[in-house]
Protein backbone atom coordinates (compact mmCIF):
# COMPACT_ATOMS: atom_id res chain seq x y z
CA UNK A 1 62.29 56.81 22.32
CA UNK A 2 59.03 58.12 20.86
CA UNK A 3 56.68 55.30 19.95
CA UNK A 4 53.09 55.11 18.69
CA UNK A 5 51.51 51.67 18.38
CA UNK A 6 48.15 51.25 16.66
CA UNK A 7 45.82 48.29 17.01
CA UNK A 8 42.21 47.35 16.39
CA UNK A 9 42.07 47.19 12.63
CA UNK A 10 40.43 44.35 10.77
CA UNK A 11 38.07 43.23 8.04
CA UNK A 12 34.38 44.09 8.43
CA UNK A 13 31.30 44.51 6.26
CA UNK A 14 29.58 47.76 5.32
CA UNK A 15 27.72 49.26 8.25
CA UNK A 16 29.78 47.55 10.92
CA UNK A 17 32.08 49.19 13.47
CA UNK A 18 35.70 49.11 14.57
CA UNK A 19 37.59 50.81 17.38
CA UNK A 20 41.21 51.73 16.81
CA UNK A 21 43.63 52.29 19.67
CA UNK A 22 47.00 54.03 19.69
CA UNK A 23 49.29 53.74 22.69
CA UNK A 24 51.93 56.46 22.97
CA UNK A 25 55.23 56.48 24.81
CA UNK A 26 58.47 58.46 24.93
CA UNK A 27 56.93 61.93 24.93
CA UNK A 28 54.49 64.02 26.96
CA UNK A 29 51.30 62.80 25.28
CA UNK A 30 49.00 65.25 27.05
CA UNK A 31 50.83 68.26 25.57
CA UNK A 32 50.18 67.42 21.91
CA UNK A 33 47.34 67.43 19.45
CA UNK A 34 46.88 63.89 18.14
CA UNK A 35 45.78 62.93 14.65
CA UNK A 36 44.36 59.93 12.80
CA UNK A 37 45.23 59.76 9.12
CA UNK A 38 44.78 57.05 6.51
CA UNK A 39 46.41 55.92 3.33
CA UNK A 40 45.19 53.80 0.45
CA UNK A 41 47.85 51.91 -1.50
CA UNK A 42 49.16 54.14 -4.25
CA UNK A 43 47.65 57.31 -2.79
CA UNK A 44 48.81 60.00 -0.41
CA UNK A 45 48.23 60.27 3.30
CA UNK A 46 44.76 61.65 4.09
CA UNK A 47 43.93 63.49 7.32
CA UNK A 48 40.85 61.99 8.98
CA UNK A 49 40.46 63.69 12.34
CA UNK A 50 42.31 65.26 15.22
CA UNK A 51 41.89 65.99 18.90
CA UNK A 52 43.69 68.79 20.69
CA UNK A 53 45.27 68.44 24.12
CA UNK A 54 42.01 69.60 25.73
CA UNK A 55 39.96 66.92 23.97
CA UNK A 56 38.36 69.12 21.31
CA UNK A 57 37.85 67.10 18.09
CA UNK A 58 37.78 68.03 14.40
CA UNK A 59 36.79 65.74 11.52
CA UNK A 60 37.05 65.36 7.79
CA UNK A 61 33.59 65.98 6.33
CA UNK A 62 33.22 62.44 4.98
CA UNK A 63 33.63 60.86 8.43
CA UNK A 64 31.84 63.45 10.60
CA UNK A 65 28.93 61.83 12.38
CA UNK A 66 30.35 58.31 11.86
CA UNK A 67 33.77 58.51 13.52
CA UNK A 68 34.63 59.69 17.02
CA UNK A 69 38.15 60.51 18.17
CA UNK A 70 38.99 60.59 21.85
CA UNK A 71 41.98 60.47 24.14
CA UNK A 72 42.88 59.32 27.63
CA UNK A 73 45.80 61.44 28.77
CA UNK A 74 46.23 59.40 31.95
CA UNK A 75 46.76 56.26 29.85
CA UNK A 76 48.66 57.96 26.98
CA UNK A 77 46.11 56.47 24.61
CA UNK A 78 44.27 57.73 21.55
CA UNK A 79 41.09 56.13 20.23
CA UNK A 80 39.07 56.17 17.03
CA UNK A 81 35.56 54.74 17.14
CA UNK A 82 34.42 54.07 13.58
CA UNK A 83 30.73 53.33 13.01
CA UNK A 84 28.70 52.85 9.84
CA UNK A 85 31.83 51.91 7.96
CA UNK A 86 31.87 52.14 4.17
CA UNK A 87 34.10 50.50 1.55
CA UNK A 88 35.71 53.88 0.90
CA UNK A 89 37.00 53.84 4.49
CA UNK A 90 39.32 50.98 3.54
CA UNK A 91 42.92 52.08 4.22
CA UNK A 92 45.85 51.78 6.55
CA UNK A 93 45.13 54.03 9.53
CA UNK A 94 47.98 55.87 11.24
CA UNK A 95 48.23 57.57 14.60
CA UNK A 96 50.30 60.77 14.36
CA UNK A 97 51.39 63.24 17.00
CA UNK A 98 51.74 66.94 16.35
CA UNK A 99 55.40 66.46 17.30
CA UNK A 100 55.80 64.52 14.06
CA UNK A 101 55.86 60.93 15.28
CA UNK A 102 53.85 58.32 13.38
CA UNK A 103 52.97 54.72 14.11
CA UNK A 104 53.29 51.80 11.72
CA UNK A 105 49.57 51.72 11.04
CA UNK A 106 46.71 49.25 11.23
CA UNK A 107 44.77 47.95 8.23
CA UNK A 108 41.02 48.56 7.99
CA UNK A 109 39.15 46.72 5.24
CA UNK A 110 35.44 47.25 4.63
CA UNK A 111 33.71 44.95 2.17
CA UNK A 112 30.42 45.80 0.39
């Protein structure tokens, strides 16, 4: 059974940091590009960043230079280091595999 479990969300103030973690199981993690996306209540899912199976990252312009995506294929784990957080980063963050699986999400709230 394919499973993605996110953790690490929370409530912080502007300028602070959070590190999200996604643990994968039930598929060959190392073979797939992995994605972080986010969703604000009432809005659509927004792509944030991705890392291919070789570790090469790509970022949405608004998070480039503040967020860092990484993966540990030996531990089947995806990470998102978020620094210099802004209120507009507030959302539920989802871990998604290129195979189509998606976790249940973790809430990130950034106050002014």
